[in-house]
C-alpha atoms as a PDB file:
ATOM      1  CA  MET A   1      40.763 -96.567 -37.060  1.00  0.00           C
ATOM      2  CA  GLU A   2      43.341 -94.023 -37.789  1.00  0.00           C
ATOM      3  CA  MET A   3      41.891 -91.046 -36.351  1.00  0.00           C
ATOM      4  CA  ARG A   4      41.033 -92.940 -33.012  1.00  0.00           C
ATOM      5  CA  ASN A   5      44.685 -93.571 -32.974  1.00  0.00           C
ATOM      6  CA  GLN A   6      45.749 -89.765 -32.828  1.00  0.00           C
ATOM      7  CA  SER A   7      46.018 -87.901 -30.095  1.00  0.00           C
ATOM      8  CA  VAL A   8      43.134 -84.800 -29.762  1.00  0.00           C
ATOM      9  CA  VAL A   9      44.476 -81.667 -29.706  1.00  0.00           C
ATOM     10  CA  ALA A  10      44.768 -79.713 -26.098  1.00  0.00           C
ATOM     11  CA  GLU A  11      46.858 -76.738 -27.090  1.00  0.00           C
ATOM     12  CA  PHE A  12      48.092 -74.967 -30.613  1.00  0.00           C
ATOM     13  CA  ILE A  13      51.405 -73.498 -30.722  1.00  0.00           C
ATOM     14  CA  LEU A  14      51.708 -70.194 -32.214  1.00  0.00           C
ATOM     15  CA  LEU A  15      54.516 -69.416 -34.683  1.00  0.00           C
ATOM     16  CA  GLY A  16      54.453 -66.168 -34.933  1.00  0.00           C
ATOM     17  CA  ILE A  17      55.714 -64.049 -38.138  1.00  0.00           C
ATOM     18  CA  PRO A  18      57.046 -66.052 -40.392  1.00  0.00           C
ATOM     19  CA  HIS A  19      61.057 -64.613 -41.308  1.00  0.00           C
ATOM     20  CA  THR A  20      61.443 -62.753 -38.249  1.00  0.00           C
ATOM     21  CA  GLU A  21      63.510 -64.919 -36.212  1.00  0.00           C
ATOM     22  CA  GLY A  22      66.140 -63.398 -33.846  1.00  0.00           C
ATOM     23  CA  LEU A  23      64.183 -60.122 -34.321  1.00  0.00           C
ATOM     24  CA  GLU A  24      62.153 -60.959 -30.912  1.00  0.00           C
ATOM     25  CA  ALA A  25      63.119 -57.968 -29.391  1.00  0.00           C
ATOM     26  CA  GLU A  26      62.602 -55.155 -31.563  1.00  0.00           C
ATOM     27  CA  LEU A  27      59.303 -57.078 -32.522  1.00  0.00           C
ATOM     28  CA  PHE A  28      58.315 -56.903 -28.853  1.00  0.00           C
ATOM     29  CA  ILE A  29      59.234 -53.255 -28.296  1.00  0.00           C
ATOM     30  CA  LEU A  30      57.494 -51.796 -31.410  1.00  0.00           C
ATOM     31  CA  PHE A  31      54.705 -53.611 -31.025  1.00  0.00           C
ATOM     32  CA  LEU A  32      54.410 -52.676 -27.237  1.00  0.00           C
ATOM     33  CA  THR A  33      54.833 -48.941 -28.554  1.00  0.00           C
ATOM     34  CA  PHE A  34      51.822 -49.472 -30.764  1.00  0.00           C
ATOM     35  CA  TYR A  35      49.543 -51.199 -28.278  1.00  0.00           C
ATOM     36  CA  LEU A  36      50.331 -48.874 -25.379  1.00  0.00           C
ATOM     37  CA  PHE A  37      49.835 -45.601 -28.006  1.00  0.00           C
ATOM     38  CA  THR A  38      46.200 -47.355 -29.310  1.00  0.00           C
ATOM     39  CA  LEU A  39      45.246 -47.820 -25.379  1.00  0.00           C
ATOM     40  CA  LEU A  40      46.195 -44.068 -24.827  1.00  0.00           C
ATOM     41  CA  GLY A  41      45.158 -42.231 -27.386  1.00  0.00           C
ATOM     42  CA  ASN A  42      41.568 -43.975 -27.562  1.00  0.00           C
ATOM     43  CA  LEU A  43      41.568 -44.008 -23.609  1.00  0.00           C
ATOM     44  CA  LEU A  44      42.072 -40.101 -24.510  1.00  0.00           C
ATOM     45  CA  ILE A  45      39.435 -39.596 -27.394  1.00  0.00           C
ATOM     46  CA  LEU A  46      36.322 -41.670 -25.271  1.00  0.00           C
ATOM     47  CA  THR A  47      37.397 -39.557 -22.144  1.00  0.00           C
ATOM     48  CA  ALA A  48      37.330 -36.414 -23.923  1.00  0.00           C
ATOM     49  CA  ILE A  49      33.775 -37.279 -25.899  1.00  0.00           C
ATOM     50  CA  ILE A  50      32.664 -38.527 -22.597  1.00  0.00           C
ATOM     51  CA  TYR A  51      33.401 -35.091 -20.254  1.00  0.00           C
ATOM     52  CA  SER A  52      32.502 -32.704 -23.331  1.00  0.00           C
ATOM     53  CA  SER A  53      28.911 -32.026 -23.969  1.00  0.00           C
ATOM     54  CA  GLN A  54      29.592 -30.056 -26.842  1.00  0.00           C
ATOM     55  CA  LEU A  55      30.416 -33.868 -27.931  1.00  0.00           C
ATOM     56  CA  HIS A  56      27.280 -35.265 -27.052  1.00  0.00           C
ATOM     57  CA  THR A  57      25.879 -35.835 -30.468  1.00  0.00           C
ATOM     58  CA  PRO A  58      25.160 -38.900 -32.422  1.00  0.00           C
ATOM     59  CA  MET A  59      28.475 -38.623 -34.527  1.00  0.00           C
ATOM     60  CA  TYR A  60      30.394 -38.547 -31.259  1.00  0.00           C
ATOM     61  CA  PHE A  61      28.655 -40.976 -29.561  1.00  0.00           C
ATOM     62  CA  PHE A  62      29.555 -43.954 -32.518  1.00  0.00           C
ATOM     63  CA  LEU A  63      32.820 -42.084 -32.554  1.00  0.00           C
ATOM     64  CA  ALA A  64      33.029 -43.217 -28.763  1.00  0.00           C
ATOM     65  CA  ASN A  65      32.164 -46.732 -29.604  1.00  0.00           C
ATOM     66  CA  LEU A  66      34.990 -46.806 -32.120  1.00  0.00           C
ATOM     67  CA  SER A  67      36.889 -45.933 -29.351  1.00  0.00           C
ATOM     68  CA  VAL A  68      35.892 -48.246 -27.417  1.00  0.00           C
ATOM     69  CA  PHE A  69      36.741 -51.117 -30.154  1.00  0.00           C
ATOM     70  CA  ASP A  70      39.489 -50.317 -30.834  1.00  0.00           C
ATOM     71  CA  ILE A  71      40.683 -50.446 -27.125  1.00  0.00           C
ATOM     72  CA  PHE A  72      39.460 -54.008 -26.972  1.00  0.00           C
ATOM     73  CA  PHE A  73      40.466 -55.437 -31.032  1.00  0.00           C
ATOM     74  CA  PRO A  74      44.127 -55.334 -30.900  1.00  0.00           C
ATOM     75  CA  SER A  75      44.180 -56.216 -27.449  1.00  0.00           C
ATOM     76  CA  VAL A  76      41.958 -59.987 -28.213  1.00  0.00           C
ATOM     77  CA  SER A  77      46.068 -60.845 -30.103  1.00  0.00           C
ATOM     78  CA  SER A  78      48.856 -57.989 -28.635  1.00  0.00           C
ATOM     79  CA  PRO A  79      48.912 -59.837 -25.046  1.00  0.00           C
ATOM     80  CA  LYS A  80      49.782 -63.198 -26.193  1.00  0.00           C
ATOM     81  CA  MET A  81      51.789 -61.999 -28.647  1.00  0.00           C
ATOM     82  CA  LEU A  82      53.663 -60.016 -26.410  1.00  0.00           C
ATOM     83  CA  PHE A  83      54.122 -62.750 -23.704  1.00  0.00           C
ATOM     84  CA  TYR A  84      55.589 -65.230 -26.414  1.00  0.00           C
ATOM     85  CA  LEU A  85      57.971 -62.187 -28.193  1.00  0.00           C
ATOM     86  CA  MET A  86      59.364 -62.242 -24.577  1.00  0.00           C
ATOM     87  CA  GLY A  87      60.480 -65.659 -24.536  1.00  0.00           C
ATOM     88  CA  ASN A  88      57.523 -67.413 -22.892  1.00  0.00           C
ATOM     89  CA  SER A  89      55.741 -70.556 -24.234  1.00  0.00           C
ATOM     90  CA  HIS A  90      54.025 -70.275 -27.865  1.00  0.00           C
ATOM     91  CA  ALA A  91      51.579 -72.302 -26.446  1.00  0.00           C
ATOM     92  CA  ILE A  92      47.649 -71.429 -26.554  1.00  0.00           C
ATOM     93  CA  SER A  93      45.282 -73.926 -24.983  1.00  0.00           C
ATOM     94  CA  PHE A  94      42.289 -74.715 -27.479  1.00  0.00           C
ATOM     95  CA  GLN A  95      39.767 -72.730 -25.135  1.00  0.00           C
ATOM     96  CA  GLY A  96      42.178 -69.811 -25.500  1.00  0.00           C
ATOM     97  CA  CYS A  97      42.541 -70.145 -29.724  1.00  0.00           C
ATOM     98  CA  ALA A  98      38.666 -70.653 -29.346  1.00  0.00           C
ATOM     99  CA  SER A  99      38.449 -67.720 -27.656  1.00  0.00           C
ATOM    100  CA  GLN A 100      40.746 -65.571 -29.927  1.00  0.00           C
ATOM    101  CA  ILE A 101      38.708 -66.248 -32.613  1.00  0.00           C
ATOM    102  CA  PHE A 102      35.098 -65.464 -31.125  1.00  0.00           C
ATOM    103  CA  PHE A 103      36.429 -62.147 -29.380  1.00  0.00           C
ATOM    104  CA  TYR A 104      38.403 -61.438 -33.165  1.00  0.00           C
ATOM    105  CA  HIS A 105      35.284 -62.229 -35.653  1.00  0.00           C
ATOM    106  CA  CYS A 106      33.036 -59.895 -32.582  1.00  0.00           C
ATOM    107  CA  LEU A 107      34.480 -57.487 -32.465  1.00  0.00           C
ATOM    108  CA  GLY A 108      35.955 -56.800 -36.039  1.00  0.00           C
ATOM    109  CA  GLY A 109      32.356 -57.787 -37.376  1.00  0.00           C
ATOM    110  CA  THR A 110      30.924 -55.288 -34.720  1.00  0.00           C
ATOM    111  CA  GLU A 111      33.233 -52.615 -35.742  1.00  0.00           C
ATOM    112  CA  CYS A 112      32.329 -53.575 -39.399  1.00  0.00           C
ATOM    113  CA  PHE A 113      28.682 -52.821 -38.974  1.00  0.00           C
ATOM    114  CA  LEU A 114      29.650 -50.017 -36.646  1.00  0.00           C
ATOM    115  CA  TYR A 115      31.270 -48.019 -39.906  1.00  0.00           C
ATOM    116  CA  THR A 116      28.166 -48.453 -41.823  1.00  0.00           C
ATOM    117  CA  VAL A 117      26.280 -46.764 -38.865  1.00  0.00           C
ATOM    118  CA  MET A 118      28.576 -44.328 -39.244  1.00  0.00           C
ATOM    119  CA  ALA A 119      28.155 -43.551 -42.812  1.00  0.00           C
ATOM    120  CA  TYR A 120      24.573 -43.211 -42.409  1.00  0.00           C
ATOM    121  CA  ASP A 121      24.580 -40.904 -39.085  1.00  0.00           C
ATOM    122  CA  ARG A 122      26.732 -38.968 -42.210  1.00  0.00           C
ATOM    123  CA  PHE A 123      24.674 -39.350 -44.056  1.00  0.00           C
ATOM    124  CA  VAL A 124      21.293 -38.103 -42.616  1.00  0.00           C
ATOM    125  CA  ALA A 125      23.298 -35.266 -41.448  1.00  0.00           C
ATOM    126  CA  ILE A 126      24.666 -33.708 -44.596  1.00  0.00           C
ATOM    127  CA  CYS A 127      21.217 -34.983 -46.818  1.00  0.00           C
ATOM    128  CA  HIS A 128      18.552 -34.005 -44.310  1.00  0.00           C
ATOM    129  CA  PRO A 129      20.244 -31.482 -42.042  1.00  0.00           C
ATOM    130  CA  LEU A 130      16.979 -30.544 -40.639  1.00  0.00           C
ATOM    131  CA  ARG A 131      15.542 -33.541 -39.397  1.00  0.00           C
ATOM    132  CA  TYR A 132      18.944 -35.006 -38.431  1.00  0.00           C
ATOM    133  CA  LYS A 133      18.073 -34.505 -34.952  1.00  0.00           C
ATOM    134  CA  VAL A 134      14.492 -36.292 -35.083  1.00  0.00           C
ATOM    135  CA  ILE A 135      15.789 -39.319 -37.440  1.00  0.00           C
ATOM    136  CA  MET A 136      19.144 -39.807 -35.224  1.00  0.00           C
ATOM    137  CA  ASN A 137      17.348 -39.153 -31.661  1.00  0.00           C
ATOM    138  CA  HIS A 138      18.633 -40.944 -28.423  1.00  0.00           C
ATOM    139  CA  LYS A 139      16.755 -43.898 -28.754  1.00  0.00           C
ATOM    140  CA  VAL A 140      17.674 -44.637 -32.495  1.00  0.00           C
ATOM    141  CA  CYS A 141      21.118 -44.427 -31.258  1.00  0.00           C
ATOM    142  CA  ALA A 142      21.044 -47.005 -28.922  1.00  0.00           C
ATOM    143  CA  ILE A 143      18.997 -49.438 -30.712  1.00  0.00           C
ATOM    144  CA  LEU A 144      21.678 -48.803 -33.836  1.00  0.00           C
ATOM    145  CA  THR A 145      24.516 -49.274 -31.447  1.00  0.00           C
ATOM    146  CA  MET A 146      22.996 -52.447 -29.631  1.00  0.00           C
ATOM    147  CA  GLY A 147      21.980 -53.632 -32.868  1.00  0.00           C
ATOM    148  CA  THR A 148      26.030 -53.518 -34.327  1.00  0.00           C
ATOM    149  CA  TRP A 149      26.671 -55.677 -30.913  1.00  0.00           C
ATOM    150  CA  MET A 150      24.106 -58.121 -31.487  1.00  0.00           C
ATOM    151  CA  GLY A 151      25.148 -58.507 -35.478  1.00  0.00           C
ATOM    152  CA  GLY A 152      28.653 -59.136 -34.397  1.00  0.00           C
ATOM    153  CA  CYS A 153      28.128 -61.505 -31.627  1.00  0.00           C
ATOM    154  CA  LEU A 154      25.946 -63.449 -33.833  1.00  0.00           C
ATOM    155  CA  HIS A 155      28.249 -63.403 -36.884  1.00  0.00           C
ATOM    156  CA  SER A 156      31.226 -64.975 -34.259  1.00  0.00           C
ATOM    157  CA  THR A 157      29.170 -67.540 -32.735  1.00  0.00           C
ATOM    158  CA  ILE A 158      28.266 -68.921 -35.854  1.00  0.00           C
ATOM    159  CA  LEU A 159      31.336 -68.647 -36.911  1.00  0.00           C
ATOM    160  CA  THR A 160      33.062 -70.263 -34.040  1.00  0.00           C
ATOM    161  CA  VAL A 161      31.191 -72.985 -33.442  1.00  0.00           C
ATOM    162  CA  LEU A 162      31.390 -74.231 -37.092  1.00  0.00           C
ATOM    163  CA  THR A 163      35.221 -74.099 -36.262  1.00  0.00           C
ATOM    164  CA  PHE A 164      35.632 -75.815 -33.215  1.00  0.00           C
ATOM    165  CA  ARG A 165      32.747 -78.130 -33.367  1.00  0.00           C
ATOM    166  CA  LEU A 166      35.055 -80.408 -35.858  1.00  0.00           C
ATOM    167  CA  PRO A 167      37.803 -82.705 -34.158  1.00  0.00           C
ATOM    168  CA  TYR A 168      41.266 -81.354 -34.050  1.00  0.00           C
ATOM    169  CA  CYS A 169      43.684 -84.863 -33.738  1.00  0.00           C
ATOM    170  CA  GLY A 170      46.850 -84.007 -35.900  1.00  0.00           C
ATOM    171  CA  LEU A 171      48.925 -80.986 -36.410  1.00  0.00           C
ATOM    172  CA  ASN A 172      48.369 -78.393 -34.178  1.00  0.00           C
ATOM    173  CA  GLU A 173      51.082 -75.818 -35.037  1.00  0.00           C
ATOM    174  CA  VAL A 174      49.562 -72.467 -36.386  1.00  0.00           C
ATOM    175  CA  ASN A 175      51.857 -70.360 -38.606  1.00  0.00           C
ATOM    176  CA  TYR A 176      50.333 -67.339 -37.531  1.00  0.00           C
ATOM    177  CA  PHE A 177      50.889 -64.730 -34.563  1.00  0.00           C
ATOM    178  CA  PHE A 178      47.247 -65.518 -33.720  1.00  0.00           C
ATOM    179  CA  CYS A 179      44.092 -67.940 -33.952  1.00  0.00           C
ATOM    180  CA  ASP A 180      42.159 -67.623 -37.189  1.00  0.00           C
ATOM    181  CA  ILE A 181      39.418 -69.140 -39.039  1.00  0.00           C
ATOM    182  CA  PRO A 182      42.105 -69.999 -42.459  1.00  0.00           C
ATOM    183  CA  ILE A 183      44.751 -71.067 -39.924  1.00  0.00           C
ATOM    184  CA  VAL A 184      43.057 -72.994 -37.820  1.00  0.00           C
ATOM    185  CA  LEU A 185      40.516 -74.846 -40.137  1.00  0.00           C
ATOM    186  CA  PRO A 186      43.207 -76.728 -42.450  1.00  0.00           C
ATOM    187  CA  LEU A 187      44.354 -78.483 -39.147  1.00  0.00           C
ATOM    188  CA  ALA A 188      41.018 -80.275 -38.455  1.00  0.00           C
ATOM    189  CA  CYS A 189      40.986 -83.760 -38.813  1.00  0.00           C
ATOM    190  CA  ALA A 190      37.538 -83.623 -40.970  1.00  0.00           C
ATOM    191  CA  ASP A 191      35.804 -82.686 -43.920  1.00  0.00           C
ATOM    192  CA  THR A 192      35.886 -78.730 -43.567  1.00  0.00           C
ATOM    193  CA  SER A 193      33.759 -77.862 -46.623  1.00  0.00           C
ATOM    194  CA  LEU A 194      30.846 -76.406 -44.675  1.00  0.00           C
ATOM    195  CA  ALA A 195      33.033 -74.476 -42.094  1.00  0.00           C
ATOM    196  CA  GLN A 196      35.053 -73.065 -44.906  1.00  0.00           C
ATOM    197  CA  MET A 197      31.956 -71.718 -47.064  1.00  0.00           C
ATOM    198  CA  VAL A 198      30.485 -70.131 -44.256  1.00  0.00           C
ATOM    199  CA  SER A 199      33.411 -68.686 -43.049  1.00  0.00           C
ATOM    200  CA  PHE A 200      33.292 -67.273 -46.608  1.00  0.00           C
ATOM    201  CA  THR A 201      29.623 -66.241 -46.737  1.00  0.00           C
ATOM    202  CA  ASN A 202      30.106 -64.700 -43.072  1.00  0.00           C
ATOM    203  CA  VAL A 203      34.183 -63.291 -42.961  1.00  0.00           C
ATOM    204  CA  GLY A 204      34.236 -62.255 -46.787  1.00  0.00           C
ATOM    205  CA  LEU A 205      30.585 -61.049 -48.151  1.00  0.00           C
ATOM    206  CA  MET A 206      29.685 -59.436 -44.922  1.00  0.00           C
ATOM    207  CA  PRO A 207      32.324 -56.731 -44.891  1.00  0.00           C
ATOM    208  CA  LEU A 208      31.471 -56.310 -48.920  1.00  0.00           C
ATOM    209  CA  ILE A 209      27.896 -55.729 -48.271  1.00  0.00           C
ATOM    210  CA  CYS A 210      28.661 -53.425 -45.255  1.00  0.00           C
ATOM    211  CA  PHE A 211      31.190 -51.741 -48.221  1.00  0.00           C
ATOM    212  CA  LEU A 212      28.702 -51.433 -50.697  1.00  0.00           C
ATOM    213  CA  PHE A 213      26.059 -49.440 -48.354  1.00  0.00           C
ATOM    214  CA  ILE A 214      29.035 -47.385 -47.382  1.00  0.00           C
ATOM    215  CA  PHE A 215      30.005 -46.736 -50.724  1.00  0.00           C
ATOM    216  CA  ILE A 216      25.907 -45.830 -52.145  1.00  0.00           C
ATOM    217  CA  SER A 217      25.627 -43.542 -48.745  1.00  0.00           C
ATOM    218  CA  TYR A 218      29.219 -41.717 -49.725  1.00  0.00           C
ATOM    219  CA  ILE A 219      27.615 -41.194 -53.355  1.00  0.00           C
ATOM    220  CA  ARG A 220      24.819 -39.401 -52.041  1.00  0.00           C
ATOM    221  CA  ILE A 221      26.768 -37.350 -49.709  1.00  0.00           C
ATOM    222  CA  VAL A 222      28.852 -36.365 -52.279  1.00  0.00           C
ATOM    223  CA  LEU A 223      25.894 -35.319 -54.441  1.00  0.00           C
ATOM    224  CA  SER A 224      24.565 -32.850 -51.821  1.00  0.00           C
ATOM    225  CA  ILE A 225      27.939 -31.666 -50.722  1.00  0.00           C
ATOM    226  CA  LEU A 226      28.381 -30.380 -54.427  1.00  0.00           C
ATOM    227  CA  LYS A 227      24.882 -28.819 -54.434  1.00  0.00           C
ATOM    228  CA  ILE A 228      25.928 -26.519 -51.066  1.00  0.00           C
ATOM    229  CA  HIS A 229      26.879 -23.008 -52.442  1.00  0.00           C
ATOM    230  CA  SER A 230      29.142 -21.499 -49.720  1.00  0.00           C
ATOM    231  CA  SER A 231      32.662 -23.109 -50.362  1.00  0.00           C
ATOM    232  CA  GLU A 232      32.585 -23.016 -46.593  1.00  0.00           C
ATOM    233  CA  GLY A 233      30.228 -24.888 -46.056  1.00  0.00           C
ATOM    234  CA  ARG A 234      31.063 -27.796 -48.775  1.00  0.00           C
ATOM    235  CA  ARG A 235      34.843 -27.597 -47.098  1.00  0.00           C
ATOM    236  CA  ARG A 236      33.944 -28.163 -43.570  1.00  0.00           C
ATOM    237  CA  ALA A 237      31.085 -31.161 -44.831  1.00  0.00           C
ATOM    238  CA  PHE A 238      33.985 -32.820 -46.648  1.00  0.00           C
ATOM    239  CA  SER A 239      36.182 -32.061 -43.467  1.00  0.00           C
ATOM    240  CA  THR A 240      33.729 -34.004 -41.245  1.00  0.00           C
ATOM    241  CA  CYS A 241      33.535 -37.141 -43.440  1.00  0.00           C
ATOM    242  CA  SER A 242      37.355 -37.272 -44.583  1.00  0.00           C
ATOM    243  CA  ALA A 243      38.283 -38.739 -41.195  1.00  0.00           C
ATOM    244  CA  HIS A 244      35.601 -41.404 -41.459  1.00  0.00           C
ATOM    245  CA  LEU A 245      36.466 -41.866 -45.044  1.00  0.00           C
ATOM    246  CA  THR A 246      39.956 -42.555 -43.781  1.00  0.00           C
ATOM    247  CA  SER A 247      39.141 -44.916 -41.395  1.00  0.00           C
ATOM    248  CA  ILE A 248      36.868 -46.984 -43.428  1.00  0.00           C
ATOM    249  CA  PHE A 249      39.877 -47.753 -45.791  1.00  0.00           C
ATOM    250  CA  LEU A 250      42.231 -48.508 -43.534  1.00  0.00           C
ATOM    251  CA  PHE A 251      39.766 -51.230 -41.894  1.00  0.00           C
ATOM    252  CA  TYR A 252      38.360 -52.568 -44.994  1.00  0.00           C
ATOM    253  CA  GLY A 253      41.341 -52.784 -47.192  1.00  0.00           C
ATOM    254  CA  PRO A 254      43.200 -55.378 -44.842  1.00  0.00           C
ATOM    255  CA  VAL A 255      39.886 -57.466 -44.517  1.00  0.00           C
ATOM    256  CA  ILE A 256      39.431 -57.429 -48.507  1.00  0.00           C
ATOM    257  CA  LEU A 257      42.992 -58.702 -49.255  1.00  0.00           C
ATOM    258  CA  ILE A 258      42.799 -61.320 -46.195  1.00  0.00           C
ATOM    259  CA  TYR A 259      39.563 -62.869 -46.742  1.00  0.00           C
ATOM    260  CA  LEU A 260      38.673 -61.921 -50.635  1.00  0.00           C
ATOM    261  CA  GLY A 261      42.023 -61.290 -51.949  1.00  0.00           C
ATOM    262  CA  PRO A 262      44.147 -63.797 -53.772  1.00  0.00           C
ATOM    263  CA  ALA A 263      46.117 -66.438 -51.818  1.00  0.00           C
ATOM    264  CA  SER A 264      49.355 -64.768 -50.063  1.00  0.00           C
ATOM    265  CA  THR A 265      52.192 -66.283 -48.307  1.00  0.00           C
ATOM    266  CA  PRO A 266      52.026 -66.540 -45.085  1.00  0.00           C
ATOM    267  CA  TRP A 267      54.935 -63.708 -44.296  1.00  0.00           C
ATOM    268  CA  LEU A 268      52.303 -61.342 -46.486  1.00  0.00           C
ATOM    269  CA  GLY A 269      49.452 -62.487 -44.421  1.00  0.00           C
ATOM    270  CA  SER A 270      51.068 -61.865 -41.132  1.00  0.00           C
ATOM    271  CA  VAL A 271      52.111 -58.317 -42.058  1.00  0.00           C
ATOM    272  CA  ILE A 272      48.620 -57.561 -43.505  1.00  0.00           C
ATOM    273  CA  GLN A 273      46.924 -58.814 -40.038  1.00  0.00           C
ATOM    274  CA  VAL A 274      49.496 -56.732 -38.332  1.00  0.00           C
ATOM    275  CA  LEU A 275      48.371 -53.611 -39.875  1.00  0.00           C
ATOM    276  CA  ASN A 276      44.706 -54.083 -39.207  1.00  0.00           C
ATOM    277  CA  ASN A 277      45.242 -55.719 -35.297  1.00  0.00           C
ATOM    278  CA  ILE A 278      47.821 -53.161 -34.435  1.00  0.00           C
ATOM    279  CA  VAL A 279      48.871 -49.977 -36.770  1.00  0.00           C
ATOM    280  CA  THR A 280      44.948 -48.984 -37.792  1.00  0.00           C
ATOM    281  CA  PRO A 281      43.565 -48.973 -33.981  1.00  0.00           C
ATOM    282  CA  SER A 282      46.700 -46.654 -32.816  1.00  0.00           C
ATOM    283  CA  LEU A 283      45.462 -44.069 -35.946  1.00  0.00           C
ATOM    284  CA  ASN A 284      42.218 -43.905 -35.623  1.00  0.00           C
ATOM    285  CA  PRO A 285      42.421 -41.103 -32.667  1.00  0.00           C
ATOM    286  CA  LEU A 286      44.843 -39.302 -34.859  1.00  0.00           C
ATOM    287  CA  ILE A 287      42.782 -39.524 -37.814  1.00  0.00           C
ATOM    288  CA  TYR A 288      39.741 -38.008 -35.565  1.00  0.00           C
ATOM    289  CA  SER A 289      41.450 -35.708 -33.537  1.00  0.00           C
ATOM    290  CA  LEU A 290      44.023 -34.005 -36.309  1.00  0.00           C
ATOM    291  CA  ARG A 291      41.195 -32.414 -37.973  1.00  0.00           C
ATOM    292  CA  ASN A 292      38.611 -32.035 -35.848  1.00  0.00           C
ATOM    293  CA  LYS A 293      38.481 -28.695 -33.949  1.00  0.00           C
ATOM    294  CA  ASP A 294      36.113 -30.052 -31.625  1.00  0.00           C
ATOM    295  CA  VAL A 295      37.825 -32.897 -30.388  1.00  0.00           C
ATOM    296  CA  LYS A 296      41.241 -30.529 -29.967  1.00  0.00           C
ATOM    297  CA  SER A 297      39.317 -28.582 -28.169  1.00  0.00           C
ATOM    298  CA  ALA A 298      37.880 -31.126 -25.934  1.00  0.00           C
ATOM    299  CA  LEU A 299      41.125 -32.831 -25.506  1.00  0.00           C
ATOM    300  CA  ARG A 300      43.169 -29.807 -24.480  1.00  0.00           C
ATOM    301  CA  LYS A 301      40.851 -29.507 -21.640  1.00  0.00           C
ATOM    302  CA  VAL A 302      40.719 -33.374 -20.617  1.00  0.00           C
ATOM    303  CA  LEU A 303      44.479 -32.699 -20.782  1.00  0.00           C
ATOM    304  CA  HIS A 304      44.448 -29.536 -18.962  1.00  0.00           C
ATOM    305  CA  GLN A 305      42.372 -31.133 -15.854  1.00  0.00           C
ATOM    306  CA  VAL A 306      45.094 -33.833 -15.653  1.00  0.00           C
ATOM    307  CA  CYS A 307      48.012 -31.725 -15.542  1.00  0.00           C
ATOM    308  CA  GLN A 308      45.713 -29.223 -12.928  1.00  0.00           C
ATOM    309  CA  GLY A 309      45.219 -32.550 -10.641  1.00  0.00           C
ATOM    310  CA  TYR A 310      48.807 -33.852 -10.739  1.00  0.00           C
ATOM    311  CA  LYS A 311      49.855 -29.931  -9.837  1.00  0.00           C
ATOM    312  CA  LYS A 312      47.523 -29.531  -6.841  1.00  0.00           C
ATOM    313  CA  GLN A 313      48.764 -33.120  -5.792  1.00  0.00           C
END
């Protein structure tokens, strides 16, 4: 009877990052800068790969997919966060909260699978160079990419359905800057044990398994690189893999801390999520362009064409 007397939650209130009251203007400028840098950087990488024929290889095909994810991933939470940092309402509708959770875990899961596929691509390129073009043909690349998307969508659908089939009829304050399962689930006024168990399995163990596959791939890669007699060949092979490894640690580090690590304070959890949602996607264009001559060359050509276009106007 008590549950029936409580009103059903129609919206949630995003309380934002804890202990940042009075810093809204500074946070708005900081996050807007990171968000715009993310969009611009990844759009440039994507454009360079599309318009440069020398980058039409499996490695850059997967990198183009990563740039697409890095455009959409921060777009799940950043626009709403920037909106309320401007002094607007902190409220988000029930459907809006469900959408945030779905797209956040869909894109996050897809990116997790994509990093695993990228590790497999590097494994084939370095450990089986003579068979690389045969193994990683266009059809295989398309199937692997479709698989990452479908895996991410399935992963997210299960989590979202389990989370929002529960009744929410009491508290509606989300002590976070966006809706995520560990924060929203405790607000349900029903038994959440099944949703918590599946959430831990999907969000915790799935990235851990992917990371294990990546780790095994790179052990094989390192062993193969050490067998290369030429020091220049070893340097080029390590250089090719270093950008991917840096992105992997930046992606998996926050994920493991948030979903598998010990319970942290709301403030620390929010800081880790900011790194995962906003900072890492803005760093990937730098990581993949600074040490990659082909990408830098393609970017210079794209920027030159843009400048020439402006001069003609």
